[in-house]
Amino acid sequence: MAVQMTKSQLIEKIAANNELAKKDVKGVLETLATIGYKELKKTGVFLVPGFAKFVVIKKPATKARAGTNPFNGEPMMFKAKPARKIVRARPVKAAKDAV
């Protein structure tokens, strides 16, 4: 299984590739995240050019319903869920082609 890159490893790689201070790169990443959160809250869409488009999807509330337990086949009641917002990341074409 592949090991996920940590935030500090990402900062080190960006700093090394662009000959910048780690402190500056960390500030840019934090600013990017902050701007992204605000844009998602305000408009529901945030695009990181060349990487991904983040979209807020509104899921409606669901009622409690009867169903079958998938593990043992016994009947059970599934709880009601409130309406909620989910953030989805959709890769842009450049990111899809790079992989």
N, C-alpha and C. Protein backbone atom coordinates (compact mmCIF):
# COMPACT_ATOMS: atom_id res chain seq x y z
N MET A 1 0.83 -1.18 0.00
CA MET A 1 0.00 0.00 0.00
C MET A 1 0.88 1.25 0.00
N ALA A 2 0.52 2.23 -0.79
CA ALA A 2 1.29 3.46 -0.89
C ALA A 2 1.14 4.30 0.37
N VAL A 3 2.21 4.99 0.72
CA VAL A 3 2.20 5.85 1.91
C VAL A 3 1.85 7.26 1.46
N GLN A 4 0.91 7.86 2.16
CA GLN A 4 0.46 9.21 1.84
C GLN A 4 1.50 10.25 2.25
N MET A 5 1.72 11.26 1.41
CA MET A 5 2.67 12.32 1.70
C MET A 5 2.09 13.22 2.79
N THR A 6 2.91 13.57 3.76
CA THR A 6 2.46 14.45 4.83
C THR A 6 2.55 15.91 4.39
N LYS A 7 1.95 16.78 5.18
CA LYS A 7 1.97 18.21 4.87
C LYS A 7 3.41 18.73 4.89
N SER A 8 4.19 18.31 5.88
CA SER A 8 5.58 18.79 5.97
C SER A 8 6.42 18.29 4.81
N GLN A 9 6.18 17.06 4.34
CA GLN A 9 6.90 16.54 3.18
C GLN A 9 6.54 17.33 1.92
N LEU A 10 5.26 17.67 1.78
CA LEU A 10 4.81 18.47 0.64
C LEU A 10 5.47 19.85 0.66
N ILE A 11 5.51 20.47 1.83
CA ILE A 11 6.14 21.78 1.98
C ILE A 11 7.63 21.70 1.61
N GLU A 12 8.32 20.65 2.08
CA GLU A 12 9.75 20.49 1.76
C GLU A 12 9.98 20.35 0.26
N LYS A 13 9.14 19.54 -0.41
CA LYS A 13 9.31 19.33 -1.86
C LYS A 13 9.06 20.61 -2.65
N ILE A 14 8.00 21.33 -2.29
CA ILE A 14 7.70 22.59 -2.99
C ILE A 14 8.82 23.59 -2.76
N ALA A 15 9.30 23.69 -1.52
CA ALA A 15 10.37 24.63 -1.19
C ALA A 15 11.65 24.28 -1.96
N ALA A 16 11.98 23.00 -2.04
CA ALA A 16 13.20 22.58 -2.74
C ALA A 16 13.10 22.81 -4.25
N ASN A 17 11.93 22.49 -4.83
CA ASN A 17 11.77 22.64 -6.28
C ASN A 17 11.76 24.10 -6.73
N ASN A 18 11.30 25.00 -5.87
CA ASN A 18 11.17 26.41 -6.26
C ASN A 18 12.15 27.34 -5.54
N GLU A 19 13.07 26.76 -4.78
CA GLU A 19 14.08 27.53 -4.04
C GLU A 19 13.43 28.61 -3.18
N LEU A 20 12.46 28.20 -2.40
CA LEU A 20 11.76 29.11 -1.48
C LEU A 20 11.97 28.64 -0.05
N ALA A 21 11.70 29.53 0.91
CA ALA A 21 11.78 29.17 2.32
C ALA A 21 10.54 28.33 2.68
N LYS A 22 10.76 27.34 3.55
CA LYS A 22 9.64 26.48 3.97
C LYS A 22 8.54 27.31 4.62
N LYS A 23 8.93 28.34 5.35
CA LYS A 23 7.96 29.20 6.04
C LYS A 23 7.03 29.88 5.03
N ASP A 24 7.59 30.33 3.91
CA ASP A 24 6.79 30.99 2.88
C ASP A 24 5.82 30.01 2.22
N VAL A 25 6.31 28.82 1.93
CA VAL A 25 5.47 27.79 1.30
C VAL A 25 4.33 27.40 2.23
N LYS A 26 4.64 27.25 3.52
CA LYS A 26 3.61 26.90 4.50
C LYS A 26 2.53 27.98 4.55
N GLY A 27 2.94 29.24 4.51
CA GLY A 27 1.99 30.36 4.51
C GLY A 27 1.09 30.34 3.28
N VAL A 28 1.67 30.04 2.13
CA VAL A 28 0.89 29.98 0.89
C VAL A 28 -0.13 28.85 0.96
N LEU A 29 0.27 27.67 1.44
CA LEU A 29 -0.66 26.55 1.54
C LEU A 29 -1.81 26.86 2.50
N GLU A 30 -1.49 27.47 3.63
CA GLU A 30 -2.52 27.81 4.61
C GLU A 30 -3.48 28.87 4.04
N THR A 31 -2.94 29.82 3.29
CA THR A 31 -3.77 30.85 2.67
C THR A 31 -4.67 30.23 1.61
N LEU A 32 -4.13 29.32 0.81
CA LEU A 32 -4.92 28.62 -0.21
C LEU A 32 -6.09 27.88 0.44
N ALA A 33 -5.82 27.18 1.54
CA ALA A 33 -6.88 26.45 2.23
C ALA A 33 -7.94 27.41 2.78
N THR A 34 -7.51 28.51 3.38
CA THR A 34 -8.45 29.48 3.95
C THR A 34 -9.34 30.09 2.87
N ILE A 35 -8.73 30.47 1.76
CA ILE A 35 -9.50 31.04 0.65
C ILE A 35 -10.48 29.99 0.11
N GLY A 36 -10.02 28.75 0.01
CA GLY A 36 -10.88 27.67 -0.47
C GLY A 36 -12.09 27.47 0.42
N TYR A 37 -11.89 27.47 1.75
CA TYR A 37 -13.02 27.30 2.68
C TYR A 37 -14.03 28.42 2.51
N LYS A 38 -13.53 29.66 2.40
CA LYS A 38 -14.43 30.81 2.26
C LYS A 38 -15.22 30.75 0.96
N GLU A 39 -14.54 30.40 -0.14
CA GLU A 39 -15.21 30.32 -1.44
C GLU A 39 -16.25 29.20 -1.45
N LEU A 40 -15.92 28.06 -0.85
CA LEU A 40 -16.88 26.95 -0.79
C LEU A 40 -18.11 27.36 0.00
N LYS A 41 -17.90 28.08 1.10
CA LYS A 41 -19.03 28.51 1.91
C LYS A 41 -19.88 29.55 1.17
N LYS A 42 -19.21 30.46 0.45
CA LYS A 42 -19.91 31.55 -0.23
C LYS A 42 -20.57 31.10 -1.53
N THR A 43 -19.81 30.44 -2.41
CA THR A 43 -20.33 30.11 -3.75
C THR A 43 -20.60 28.62 -3.97
N GLY A 44 -19.98 27.77 -3.15
CA GLY A 44 -20.17 26.33 -3.32
C GLY A 44 -19.21 25.69 -4.30
N VAL A 45 -18.29 26.48 -4.87
CA VAL A 45 -17.32 25.96 -5.85
C VAL A 45 -15.97 26.61 -5.60
N PHE A 46 -14.90 25.81 -5.67
CA PHE A 46 -13.53 26.33 -5.56
C PHE A 46 -12.65 25.55 -6.52
N LEU A 47 -11.99 26.26 -7.43
CA LEU A 47 -11.14 25.64 -8.44
C LEU A 47 -9.67 25.90 -8.12
N VAL A 48 -8.89 24.82 -8.05
CA VAL A 48 -7.44 24.93 -7.96
C VAL A 48 -6.94 24.61 -9.37
N PRO A 49 -6.58 25.63 -10.15
CA PRO A 49 -6.24 25.42 -11.56
C PRO A 49 -5.17 24.34 -11.76
N GLY A 50 -5.43 23.45 -12.71
CA GLY A 50 -4.49 22.37 -13.01
C GLY A 50 -4.54 21.21 -12.05
N PHE A 51 -5.42 21.27 -11.04
CA PHE A 51 -5.46 20.20 -10.04
C PHE A 51 -6.85 19.64 -9.84
N ALA A 52 -7.74 20.41 -9.22
CA ALA A 52 -9.07 19.88 -8.91
C ALA A 52 -10.08 21.01 -8.72
N LYS A 53 -11.34 20.64 -8.88
CA LYS A 53 -12.46 21.54 -8.62
C LYS A 53 -13.21 20.97 -7.43
N PHE A 54 -13.36 21.76 -6.39
CA PHE A 54 -14.08 21.34 -5.19
C PHE A 54 -15.49 21.89 -5.27
N VAL A 55 -16.49 21.03 -5.02
CA VAL A 55 -17.89 21.40 -5.15
C VAL A 55 -18.64 20.96 -3.90
N VAL A 56 -19.54 21.83 -3.41
CA VAL A 56 -20.39 21.48 -2.28
C VAL A 56 -21.68 20.87 -2.82
N ILE A 57 -22.01 19.69 -2.35
CA ILE A 57 -23.23 19.00 -2.76
C ILE A 57 -24.17 18.96 -1.55
N LYS A 58 -25.40 19.39 -1.76
CA LYS A 58 -26.39 19.39 -0.68
C LYS A 58 -27.17 18.07 -0.71
N LYS A 59 -27.02 17.27 0.35
CA LYS A 59 -27.75 16.01 0.45
C LYS A 59 -29.03 16.27 1.24
N PRO A 60 -30.18 15.85 0.73
CA PRO A 60 -31.43 16.07 1.46
C PRO A 60 -31.54 15.14 2.67
N ALA A 61 -32.43 15.49 3.58
CA ALA A 61 -32.68 14.66 4.74
C ALA A 61 -33.35 13.36 4.29
N THR A 62 -33.09 12.28 5.02
CA THR A 62 -33.74 11.01 4.72
C THR A 62 -34.57 10.59 5.92
N LYS A 63 -35.67 9.91 5.65
CA LYS A 63 -36.54 9.42 6.71
C LYS A 63 -36.03 8.08 7.20
N ALA A 64 -36.45 7.70 8.41
CA ALA A 64 -36.13 6.37 8.92
C ALA A 64 -36.84 5.35 8.04
N ARG A 65 -36.18 4.24 7.77
CA ARG A 65 -36.79 3.25 6.89
C ARG A 65 -36.40 1.84 7.32
N ALA A 66 -37.26 0.92 6.95
CA ALA A 66 -36.99 -0.49 7.24
C ALA A 66 -36.10 -1.05 6.15
N GLY A 67 -35.20 -1.94 6.54
CA GLY A 67 -34.31 -2.55 5.56
C GLY A 67 -33.76 -3.85 6.10
N THR A 68 -32.80 -4.41 5.41
CA THR A 68 -32.19 -5.68 5.80
C THR A 68 -30.73 -5.43 6.16
N ASN A 69 -30.30 -5.98 7.29
CA ASN A 69 -28.91 -5.88 7.71
C ASN A 69 -28.05 -6.64 6.69
N PRO A 70 -27.10 -5.96 6.03
CA PRO A 70 -26.31 -6.62 5.00
C PRO A 70 -25.37 -7.70 5.53
N PHE A 71 -25.09 -7.70 6.84
CA PHE A 71 -24.16 -8.67 7.40
C PHE A 71 -24.83 -9.98 7.80
N ASN A 72 -26.05 -9.89 8.36
CA ASN A 72 -26.68 -11.13 8.81
C ASN A 72 -28.07 -11.37 8.21
N GLY A 73 -28.55 -10.46 7.38
CA GLY A 73 -29.83 -10.67 6.69
C GLY A 73 -31.06 -10.41 7.53
N GLU A 74 -30.91 -9.98 8.77
CA GLU A 74 -32.06 -9.73 9.64
C GLU A 74 -32.68 -8.37 9.31
N PRO A 75 -34.00 -8.25 9.47
CA PRO A 75 -34.64 -6.94 9.25
C PRO A 75 -34.22 -5.95 10.33
N MET A 76 -34.10 -4.69 9.95
CA MET A 76 -33.72 -3.65 10.91
C MET A 76 -34.24 -2.30 10.44
N MET A 77 -34.16 -1.30 11.31
CA MET A 77 -34.56 0.06 10.96
C MET A 77 -33.30 0.90 10.77
N PHE A 78 -33.23 1.59 9.63
CA PHE A 78 -32.14 2.54 9.39
C PHE A 78 -32.58 3.89 9.92
N LYS A 79 -31.70 4.57 10.66
CA LYS A 79 -32.04 5.85 11.27
C LYS A 79 -32.22 6.94 10.22
N ALA A 80 -33.02 7.95 10.59
CA ALA A 80 -33.18 9.13 9.73
C ALA A 80 -31.90 9.93 9.78
N LYS A 81 -31.57 10.59 8.68
CA LYS A 81 -30.37 11.44 8.61
C LYS A 81 -30.80 12.86 8.28
N PRO A 82 -30.20 13.86 8.93
CA PRO A 82 -30.54 15.25 8.63
C PRO A 82 -29.94 15.69 7.29
N ALA A 83 -30.44 16.78 6.77
CA ALA A 83 -29.87 17.35 5.54
C ALA A 83 -28.43 17.76 5.86
N ARG A 84 -27.54 17.62 4.87
CA ARG A 84 -26.15 17.92 5.12
C ARG A 84 -25.46 18.37 3.83
N LYS A 85 -24.30 18.97 4.00
CA LYS A 85 -23.51 19.41 2.86
C LYS A 85 -22.24 18.54 2.81
N ILE A 86 -21.87 18.13 1.60
CA ILE A 86 -20.70 17.29 1.40
C ILE A 86 -19.79 17.99 0.39
N VAL A 87 -18.49 17.97 0.65
CA VAL A 87 -17.53 18.56 -0.27
C VAL A 87 -16.95 17.44 -1.13
N ARG A 88 -17.03 17.60 -2.44
CA ARG A 88 -16.48 16.62 -3.38
C ARG A 88 -15.36 17.28 -4.17
N ALA A 89 -14.30 16.54 -4.41
CA ALA A 89 -13.20 17.02 -5.24
C ALA A 89 -13.27 16.29 -6.58
N ARG A 90 -13.28 17.06 -7.63
CA ARG A 90 -13.32 16.50 -8.98
C ARG A 90 -12.03 16.90 -9.70
N PRO A 91 -11.21 15.94 -10.09
CA PRO A 91 -9.96 16.30 -10.76
C PRO A 91 -10.21 16.95 -12.12
N VAL A 92 -9.38 17.91 -12.47
CA VAL A 92 -9.49 18.54 -13.78
C VAL A 92 -8.80 17.64 -14.80
N LYS A 93 -9.01 17.92 -16.07
CA LYS A 93 -8.48 17.07 -17.14
C LYS A 93 -6.96 16.92 -17.06
N ALA A 94 -6.26 18.01 -16.75
CA ALA A 94 -4.80 17.96 -16.68
C ALA A 94 -4.33 16.95 -15.61
N ALA A 95 -5.03 16.91 -14.47
CA ALA A 95 -4.66 15.97 -13.41
C ALA A 95 -4.96 14.54 -13.83
N LYS A 96 -6.09 14.33 -14.51
CA LYS A 96 -6.43 12.98 -14.98
C LYS A 96 -5.40 12.48 -15.99
N ASP A 97 -5.00 13.37 -16.90
CA ASP A 97 -4.04 12.98 -17.93
C ASP A 97 -2.64 12.73 -17.35
N ALA A 98 -2.29 13.43 -16.27
CA ALA A 98 -0.97 13.28 -15.66
C ALA A 98 -0.81 11.92 -14.98
N VAL A 99 -1.91 11.35 -14.56
CA VAL A 99 -1.88 10.04 -13.88
C VAL A 99 -2.03 9.00 -14.92
